[in-house]
Protein backbone atom coordinates (compact mmCIF):
# COMPACT_ATOMS: atom_id res chain seq x y z
CA MET A 1 9.44 -11.18 -7.08
CA LEU A 2 9.39 -7.38 -7.03
CA ASP A 3 11.91 -4.56 -6.55
CA LEU A 4 10.00 -1.34 -5.87
CA LYS A 5 13.22 0.66 -5.52
CA ARG A 6 13.79 0.42 -9.27
CA GLN A 7 10.47 2.17 -9.89
CA TYR A 8 10.77 4.80 -7.19
CA GLN A 9 14.31 6.00 -7.83
CA PRO A 10 13.61 7.77 -11.18
CA LEU A 11 10.45 9.37 -9.69
CA HIS A 12 12.00 10.41 -6.39
CA GLU A 13 12.02 14.18 -6.88
CA GLU A 14 8.65 14.26 -8.62
CA LEU A 15 7.04 12.29 -5.81
CA LEU A 16 8.59 14.48 -3.12
CA ALA A 17 7.26 17.58 -4.87
CA ALA A 18 3.76 16.06 -4.99
CA LEU A 19 3.88 15.23 -1.28
CA GLU A 20 5.18 18.72 -0.48
CA HIS A 21 2.17 20.17 -2.31
CA VAL A 22 -0.16 18.20 -0.03
CA LEU A 23 1.71 19.48 3.03
CA GLN A 24 1.44 23.05 1.79
CA THR A 25 -2.27 22.86 0.93
CA GLN A 26 -3.07 20.67 3.96
CA HIS A 27 -5.62 18.67 1.95
CA PHE A 28 -4.87 15.51 3.89
CA ILE A 29 -8.22 13.71 3.50
CA LEU A 30 -10.10 13.95 0.18
CA GLY A 31 -9.83 17.55 -1.09
CA GLU A 32 -8.02 18.78 -4.20
CA PRO A 33 -5.35 16.02 -4.53
CA VAL A 34 -8.00 13.29 -4.39
CA ALA A 35 -10.35 15.11 -6.78
CA ALA A 36 -7.51 15.66 -9.25
CA PHE A 37 -6.51 12.00 -9.20
CA GLU A 38 -10.12 10.83 -9.49
CA SER A 39 -10.63 12.97 -12.57
CA ALA A 40 -7.34 11.90 -14.19
CA ALA A 41 -7.99 8.22 -13.45
CA ALA A 42 -11.51 8.34 -14.91
CA ASP A 43 -10.17 10.01 -18.06
CA HIS A 44 -7.43 7.39 -18.32
CA LEU A 45 -9.96 4.55 -18.22
CA HIS A 46 -12.56 6.36 -20.35
CA VAL A 47 -15.22 6.06 -17.65
CA CYS A 48 -17.46 8.76 -16.24
CA HIS A 49 -16.54 8.49 -12.58
CA GLY A 50 -13.63 7.53 -10.36
CA VAL A 51 -14.26 7.48 -6.60
CA GLY A 52 -11.12 7.17 -4.49
CA CYS A 53 -11.22 5.17 -1.27
CA SER A 54 -9.00 3.69 1.39
CA SER A 55 -8.23 0.23 -0.07
CA GLY A 56 -9.15 -2.29 -2.71
CA THR A 57 -11.16 -4.23 -0.13
CA ASP A 58 -13.16 -1.11 0.72
CA ALA A 59 -13.63 -0.50 -3.01
CA LEU A 60 -15.25 -3.93 -3.33
CA TRP A 61 -17.56 -3.32 -0.39
CA LEU A 62 -18.46 0.18 -1.60
CA SER A 63 -19.22 -1.18 -5.09
CA LEU A 64 -21.66 -3.72 -3.67
CA ALA A 65 -23.17 -1.30 -1.17
CA ALA A 66 -23.60 1.36 -3.84
CA CYS A 67 -25.65 -1.22 -5.79
CA GLU A 68 -27.78 -1.70 -2.64
CA ILE A 69 -26.70 -5.31 -2.34
CA GLY A 70 -27.18 -6.35 1.28
CA PRO A 71 -29.02 -8.78 3.55
CA GLY A 72 -31.22 -11.16 1.61
CA SER A 73 -29.11 -10.80 -1.54
CA ALA A 74 -26.68 -13.26 -3.10
CA VAL A 75 -23.65 -12.57 -5.29
CA ILE A 76 -22.06 -15.15 -7.59
CA THR A 77 -18.27 -15.13 -7.75
CA THR A 78 -15.20 -17.30 -8.19
CA PRO A 79 -13.63 -19.68 -5.63
CA PHE A 80 -10.17 -18.84 -7.04
CA SER A 81 -9.27 -15.33 -5.95
CA PHE A 82 -7.95 -13.28 -3.05
CA PHE A 83 -10.10 -13.61 0.08
CA ALA A 84 -11.48 -10.05 -0.21
CA SER A 85 -13.57 -11.05 -3.24
CA VAL A 86 -15.78 -13.08 -0.89
CA SER A 87 -15.28 -11.23 2.40
CA ALA A 88 -16.57 -8.00 0.80
CA ILE A 89 -19.81 -9.81 -0.08
CA PHE A 90 -20.20 -10.87 3.55
CA ARG A 91 -19.37 -7.36 4.72
CA ALA A 92 -22.17 -6.00 2.54
CA GLY A 93 -24.50 -8.39 4.34
CA ALA A 94 -25.05 -10.59 1.28
CA SER A 95 -24.30 -14.28 0.68
CA PRO A 96 -21.65 -15.52 -1.75
CA ILE A 97 -22.42 -18.25 -4.26
CA LEU A 98 -19.41 -19.80 -5.98
CA ALA A 99 -18.99 -21.04 -9.54
CA ASP A 100 -15.96 -22.75 -11.05
CA ILE A 101 -13.30 -21.18 -13.27
CA ASP A 102 -12.14 -21.53 -16.85
CA PRO A 103 -8.91 -23.58 -16.67
CA GLU A 104 -7.17 -21.51 -19.37
CA THR A 105 -7.81 -18.02 -17.99
CA PHE A 106 -8.37 -18.86 -14.30
CA ASN A 107 -11.37 -16.51 -14.46
CA LEU A 108 -15.01 -17.13 -13.61
CA SER A 109 -16.59 -19.48 -16.17
CA PRO A 110 -19.79 -18.05 -17.71
CA SER A 111 -21.20 -21.55 -18.21
CA ALA A 112 -20.50 -22.39 -14.56
CA VAL A 113 -22.27 -19.19 -13.52
CA GLU A 114 -25.26 -20.17 -15.67
CA SER A 115 -25.36 -23.56 -13.94
CA ALA A 116 -25.05 -22.01 -10.48
CA LEU A 117 -27.97 -19.69 -11.20
CA GLN A 118 -30.21 -22.70 -11.71
CA THR A 119 -29.67 -23.97 -8.15
CA PRO A 120 -32.05 -23.17 -5.25
CA ARG A 121 -29.42 -21.20 -3.32
CA ALA A 122 -29.18 -18.72 -6.23
CA ALA A 123 -32.82 -17.61 -6.02
CA SER A 124 -31.87 -14.33 -4.33
CA SER A 125 -28.97 -13.50 -6.67
CA ARG A 126 -28.49 -9.80 -7.38
CA ALA A 127 -25.06 -9.64 -9.02
CA ILE A 128 -22.13 -11.42 -10.60
CA LEU A 129 -18.73 -10.42 -9.20
CA ALA A 130 -16.16 -11.12 -11.94
CA VAL A 131 -12.48 -11.08 -10.95
CA HIS A 132 -9.90 -10.12 -13.59
CA LEU A 133 -7.36 -12.51 -12.10
CA TYR A 134 -3.66 -11.81 -12.63
CA GLY A 135 -4.60 -8.96 -15.00
CA GLN A 136 -6.48 -11.10 -17.57
CA PRO A 137 -9.94 -9.61 -18.17
CA ALA A 138 -12.79 -11.94 -17.33
CA ASP A 139 -15.16 -12.78 -20.18
CA CYS A 140 -17.43 -9.84 -19.45
CA LYS A 141 -19.17 -10.16 -22.82
CA ALA A 142 -20.50 -13.61 -21.94
CA LEU A 143 -20.96 -12.75 -18.26
CA GLY A 144 -22.79 -9.59 -19.29
CA ARG A 145 -25.21 -11.67 -21.36
CA VAL A 146 -25.81 -13.97 -18.40
CA ALA A 147 -26.35 -10.96 -16.14
CA MET A 148 -28.84 -9.45 -18.59
CA ASN A 149 -30.74 -12.71 -18.98
CA TRP A 150 -31.08 -13.09 -15.22
CA ASN A 151 -31.56 -9.39 -14.44
CA LEU A 152 -28.32 -9.17 -12.47
CA LEU A 153 -25.69 -6.48 -12.03
CA LEU A 154 -22.13 -7.11 -13.23
CA VAL A 155 -19.50 -5.97 -10.72
CA GLU A 156 -15.79 -6.08 -11.61
CA ASP A 157 -13.09 -6.98 -9.13
CA ALA A 158 -10.39 -5.20 -11.11
CA ALA A 159 -7.87 -5.10 -8.25
CA GLN A 160 -5.14 -6.68 -10.43
CA ALA A 161 -6.17 -5.24 -13.77
CA TRP A 162 -5.29 -1.58 -14.21
CA GLY A 163 -4.63 -1.25 -17.94
CA ALA A 164 -6.37 -4.46 -18.98
CA GLU A 165 -8.85 -4.25 -21.85
CA LEU A 166 -11.50 -6.34 -23.55
CA ASP A 167 -12.44 -5.40 -27.13
CA GLY A 168 -10.91 -1.98 -26.58
CA VAL A 169 -12.86 -1.26 -23.39
CA SER A 170 -10.81 -0.77 -20.23
CA ALA A 171 -11.28 -2.92 -17.17
CA GLY A 172 -13.27 -0.68 -14.88
CA GLY A 173 -15.79 0.06 -17.61
CA LEU A 174 -16.83 -3.47 -18.55
CA GLY A 175 -19.60 -3.83 -15.98
CA ASP A 176 -21.97 -1.70 -13.94
CA ILE A 177 -19.33 -0.80 -11.35
CA ALA A 178 -15.73 -1.83 -10.61
CA ALA A 179 -13.26 -1.95 -7.75
CA PHE A 180 -9.51 -1.28 -8.05
CA SER A 181 -6.70 -1.77 -5.56
CA PHE A 182 -3.57 0.40 -5.46
CA TYR A 183 -1.74 -1.83 -2.99
CA PRO A 184 2.04 -1.30 -3.39
CA THR A 185 2.49 -4.43 -5.54
CA LYS A 186 -0.12 -3.45 -8.14
CA ASN A 187 0.59 -2.13 -11.66
CA LEU A 188 -0.57 1.31 -10.52
CA SER A 189 0.45 1.45 -6.89
CA ALA A 190 0.30 3.74 -3.90
CA ALA A 191 2.81 3.91 -1.05
CA GLY A 192 0.34 2.13 1.21
CA ASP A 193 -3.30 1.12 0.99
CA ALA A 194 -5.60 2.87 -1.48
CA GLY A 195 -8.42 1.94 -3.84
CA MET A 196 -10.96 3.27 -6.32
CA ILE A 197 -14.47 2.60 -7.58
CA THR A 198 -15.18 3.30 -11.24
CA THR A 199 -18.56 3.45 -12.97
CA ASN A 200 -20.45 5.11 -15.80
CA SER A 201 -23.50 5.50 -13.57
CA ASP A 202 -24.06 8.90 -11.95
CA SER A 203 -26.27 7.40 -9.24
CA LEU A 204 -23.83 4.62 -8.29
CA ALA A 205 -20.93 7.08 -8.12
CA GLU A 206 -22.96 9.43 -5.92
CA ARG A 207 -23.86 6.58 -3.54
CA ALA A 208 -20.24 5.41 -3.35
CA ARG A 209 -19.08 8.92 -2.44
CA MET A 210 -21.75 9.13 0.24
CA LEU A 211 -21.03 5.71 1.70
CA ARG A 212 -17.24 6.24 1.87
CA GLN A 213 -17.81 9.16 4.26
CA HIS A 214 -20.08 7.76 6.97
CA GLY A 215 -23.18 7.98 4.81
CA MET A 216 -23.04 11.79 4.55
CA ARG A 217 -24.18 13.82 1.60
CA ARG A 218 -23.69 16.95 3.65
CA ARG A 219 -21.58 17.33 6.73
CA TYR A 220 -23.01 15.76 9.90
CA TYR A 221 -26.24 14.66 8.20
CA HIS A 222 -26.09 10.87 7.85
CA ASP A 223 -28.53 9.41 5.34
CA GLU A 224 -27.32 5.83 5.65
CA LEU A 225 -24.87 3.73 7.64
CA GLY A 226 -21.69 4.22 5.65
CA TRP A 227 -18.08 3.87 6.70
CA ASN A 228 -14.83 5.82 6.91
CA ALA A 229 -13.31 4.64 3.63
CA ARG A 230 -11.77 7.86 2.31
CA LEU A 231 -8.62 8.22 0.22
CA ASP A 232 -5.96 10.46 1.75
CA GLY A 233 -4.23 13.27 -0.10
CA PHE A 234 -0.72 11.81 0.09
CA GLN A 235 -1.71 8.57 -1.63
CA ALA A 236 -3.72 10.45 -4.27
CA ALA A 237 -0.74 12.70 -5.01
CA ILE A 238 1.56 9.70 -5.45
CA LEU A 239 -0.97 7.95 -7.66
CA GLU A 240 -1.47 10.99 -9.89
CA VAL A 241 2.28 11.14 -10.52
CA LYS A 242 2.51 7.42 -11.29
CA LEU A 243 -0.60 7.49 -13.49
CA LYS A 244 1.46 9.36 -16.11
CA TYR A 245 3.84 6.39 -16.41
CA VAL A 246 1.56 3.37 -15.98
CA ASP A 247 0.88 2.89 -19.72
CA ARG A 248 4.62 2.65 -20.36
CA TRP A 249 5.07 0.29 -17.43
CA ASN A 250 2.24 -1.92 -18.66
CA GLN A 251 3.80 -2.02 -22.12
CA GLN A 252 7.05 -3.14 -20.51
CA ARG A 253 5.15 -5.87 -18.68
CA HIS A 254 3.64 -6.95 -22.00
CA GLU A 255 7.12 -7.15 -23.55
CA LEU A 256 8.44 -9.10 -20.56
CA ALA A 257 5.60 -11.61 -20.90
CA GLY A 258 6.46 -11.99 -24.58
CA ARG A 259 10.10 -12.59 -23.71
CA TYR A 260 9.18 -15.24 -21.16
CA HIS A 261 7.05 -16.93 -23.82
CA ALA A 262 9.93 -16.91 -26.29
CA LEU A 263 12.51 -18.12 -23.77
CA PHE A 264 10.36 -20.97 -22.47
CA SER A 265 9.35 -22.02 -25.98
CA SER A 266 12.89 -21.98 -27.35
CA ALA A 267 14.02 -24.04 -24.36
CA GLY A 268 11.34 -26.63 -25.16
CA LEU A 269 9.72 -26.28 -21.75
CA ALA A 270 6.26 -25.13 -22.79
CA GLU A 271 3.57 -27.75 -23.26
CA SER A 272 0.54 -27.33 -25.49
CA GLY A 273 -2.97 -27.67 -24.15
CA THR A 274 -4.44 -26.45 -20.89
CA LEU A 275 -3.08 -28.77 -18.20
CA PRO A 276 0.57 -29.63 -17.46
CA HIS A 277 2.11 -33.10 -17.58
CA HIS A 278 5.92 -33.06 -17.86
CA GLY A 279 6.63 -29.40 -18.64
CA ILE A 280 4.84 -26.14 -17.90
CA ILE A 281 1.77 -24.42 -19.28
CA LEU A 282 2.32 -20.75 -20.12
CA PRO A 283 -0.30 -18.09 -19.49
CA ARG A 284 -2.01 -16.69 -22.55
CA GLU A 285 -3.65 -13.48 -23.62
CA VAL A 286 -7.20 -14.16 -24.81
CA PRO A 287 -7.79 -12.90 -28.37
CA GLY A 288 -9.53 -9.53 -28.31
CA SER A 289 -8.21 -8.70 -24.86
CA ARG A 290 -5.17 -6.94 -23.44
CA HIS A 291 -3.67 -8.65 -20.42
CA ALA A 292 -2.26 -6.26 -17.80
CA TRP A 293 0.31 -8.92 -16.78
CA HIS A 294 0.04 -8.07 -13.11
CA GLN A 295 1.33 -11.59 -12.61
CA TYR A 296 2.97 -14.09 -14.98
CA VAL A 297 1.54 -17.39 -13.79
CA ILE A 298 2.59 -20.79 -15.11
CA ARG A 299 1.11 -24.20 -14.34
CA CYS A 300 3.34 -27.10 -13.28
CA ALA A 301 2.28 -30.57 -12.13
CA ARG A 302 5.16 -30.58 -9.59
CA ARG A 303 4.55 -27.01 -8.48
CA ASP A 304 5.54 -27.31 -4.82
CA GLU A 305 8.84 -29.00 -5.69
CA LEU A 306 9.53 -26.34 -8.33
CA ARG A 307 8.86 -23.58 -5.83
CA GLU A 308 11.35 -25.08 -3.37
CA PHE A 309 13.92 -25.48 -6.16
CA LEU A 310 13.61 -21.83 -7.22
CA ALA A 311 13.74 -20.62 -3.62
CA ALA A 312 16.99 -22.54 -3.12
CA ARG A 313 18.39 -20.57 -6.07
CA GLN A 314 17.13 -17.32 -4.55
CA ILE A 315 14.59 -16.79 -7.32
CA GLY A 316 11.38 -15.19 -6.10
CA CYS A 317 8.08 -16.90 -6.86
CA GLU A 318 4.68 -17.02 -5.20
CA ILE A 319 1.48 -19.06 -5.16
CA PHE A 320 -1.67 -17.04 -5.87
CA TYR A 321 -3.62 -18.84 -4.34
CA PRO A 322 -2.77 -22.14 -2.56
CA VAL A 323 -6.23 -22.75 -1.03
CA PRO A 324 -9.40 -22.04 -3.04
CA LEU A 325 -11.97 -19.99 -1.18
CA HIS A 326 -14.51 -22.78 -0.67
CA LEU A 327 -11.89 -24.76 1.27
CA GLN A 328 -10.91 -21.89 3.58
CA LYS A 329 -11.73 -22.58 7.22
CA ALA A 330 -13.45 -19.21 7.61
CA LEU A 331 -15.88 -20.09 4.82
CA GLU A 332 -16.90 -23.56 6.04
CA PRO A 333 -20.43 -22.28 6.82
CA LEU A 334 -21.03 -21.89 3.07
CA GLY A 335 -21.31 -25.68 2.97
CA TYR A 336 -19.01 -26.36 0.04
CA ARG A 337 -16.72 -29.39 0.04
CA GLU A 338 -13.56 -30.57 -1.70
CA GLY A 339 -14.44 -31.65 -5.22
CA ASP A 340 -17.18 -29.05 -5.69
CA PHE A 341 -14.98 -26.87 -7.94
CA PRO A 342 -12.40 -29.15 -9.56
CA GLU A 343 -10.88 -26.56 -11.90
CA ALA A 344 -10.24 -24.11 -9.06
CA GLU A 345 -8.83 -26.90 -6.90
CA ARG A 346 -6.46 -28.10 -9.62
CA ALA A 347 -5.32 -24.55 -10.34
CA ALA A 348 -4.55 -24.07 -6.65
CA ARG A 349 -2.26 -27.12 -6.82
CA GLU A 350 -0.46 -26.08 -10.02
CA VAL A 351 -0.12 -22.29 -10.36
CA LEU A 352 3.14 -20.48 -9.73
CA ALA A 353 3.78 -16.76 -10.29
CA LEU A 354 7.21 -15.81 -11.61
CA PRO A 355 8.88 -12.39 -11.30
CA ILE A 356 7.39 -9.75 -13.59
CA PHE A 357 7.68 -6.00 -13.05
CA PRO A 358 8.59 -3.25 -15.52
CA GLU A 359 12.21 -2.95 -14.49
CA LEU A 360 12.97 -6.69 -14.63
CA ARG A 361 16.12 -7.29 -16.68
CA GLU A 362 16.56 -9.77 -19.51
CA ASP A 363 19.38 -11.57 -17.73
CA GLU A 364 17.10 -12.04 -14.70
CA GLN A 365 14.40 -13.57 -16.89
CA GLN A 366 16.99 -15.87 -18.45
CA ALA A 367 18.06 -16.97 -14.97
CA VAL A 368 14.46 -17.86 -14.13
CA VAL A 369 14.02 -19.90 -17.31
CA HIS A 370 17.38 -21.66 -16.93
CA ALA A 371 16.51 -22.63 -13.36
CA ILE A 372 13.16 -24.09 -14.42
CA ALA A 373 14.91 -25.96 -17.27
CA ASP A 374 17.32 -27.45 -14.74
CA PHE A 375 14.44 -28.51 -12.52
CA LEU A 376 12.48 -30.14 -15.33
CA SER A 377 15.58 -31.98 -16.59
């Protein structure tokens, strides 16, 4: 699925020099390396503020907490995402409300959100948490209109979407506040856990900085109950080096996605429409958007059999995500049942992520497509 060595080898000396600088300056927690990366990252995304933190999960919690979303509040989000999208809402003290997805993009459906807002459980809603799943920007134009009509905040879970855009605006600047993850598998990745909050709001950025450091605005004076969610200097130094290359890497991902499209189409494996029958449904880039291609996710009616077939040929693939959130055991208290979100449930049965990373070779892509052709035949 991913070979990180191919990315690290050309950067080896540059990364070692950046780490040596941290050792020499001894700015191990926050400090100059973090401030430099925050500034460079904000400039890269054309937003006013970047606030580094310890993980993408902490970035989600900090985003909600900075918006003063807590006990008594509700947040509407998708049932088809990584668990942190919902667990961060609980951690903030709020209650998640789920709405179904668009079957083409796998992202939160604005019409489903509108319907969810008209239910009694949504009376205390404060925000919409839109996930840019797989690197495809959510429809923040439509979700923004819904948020405005209902006086809600729009929070982006941009964990998988560094470099994604909608109408020329970068993910991270499409809502009121956004959360990024720099987990080692991400398009822009650290050598461990790291995250960032981005926003154009001075007040939200100031609150996020305060909350990430035990609620302190000045040392040992705690204004609120925050948390230790700081970004360390080593991860910031690595990220600042890699930030210089991420646009090129994302362009390579875009080209790889185009090659997959061409290979699958020329092999006659790609079906039209939204749902698979005998072949596969390819992912698409919504007009007006730029997909970050964090994952290349196909749909297949016989997904589990296909996964076993590819594994037998030593071809990496993964299911993101096999169980929608409303059917997770830990979330049974929410009271949702199977059948409540049919699009999310069907996606969970059909999606399969294929290898895509900047250094993936053409012959490796051809091997993936040939294997799937053999399976479907």
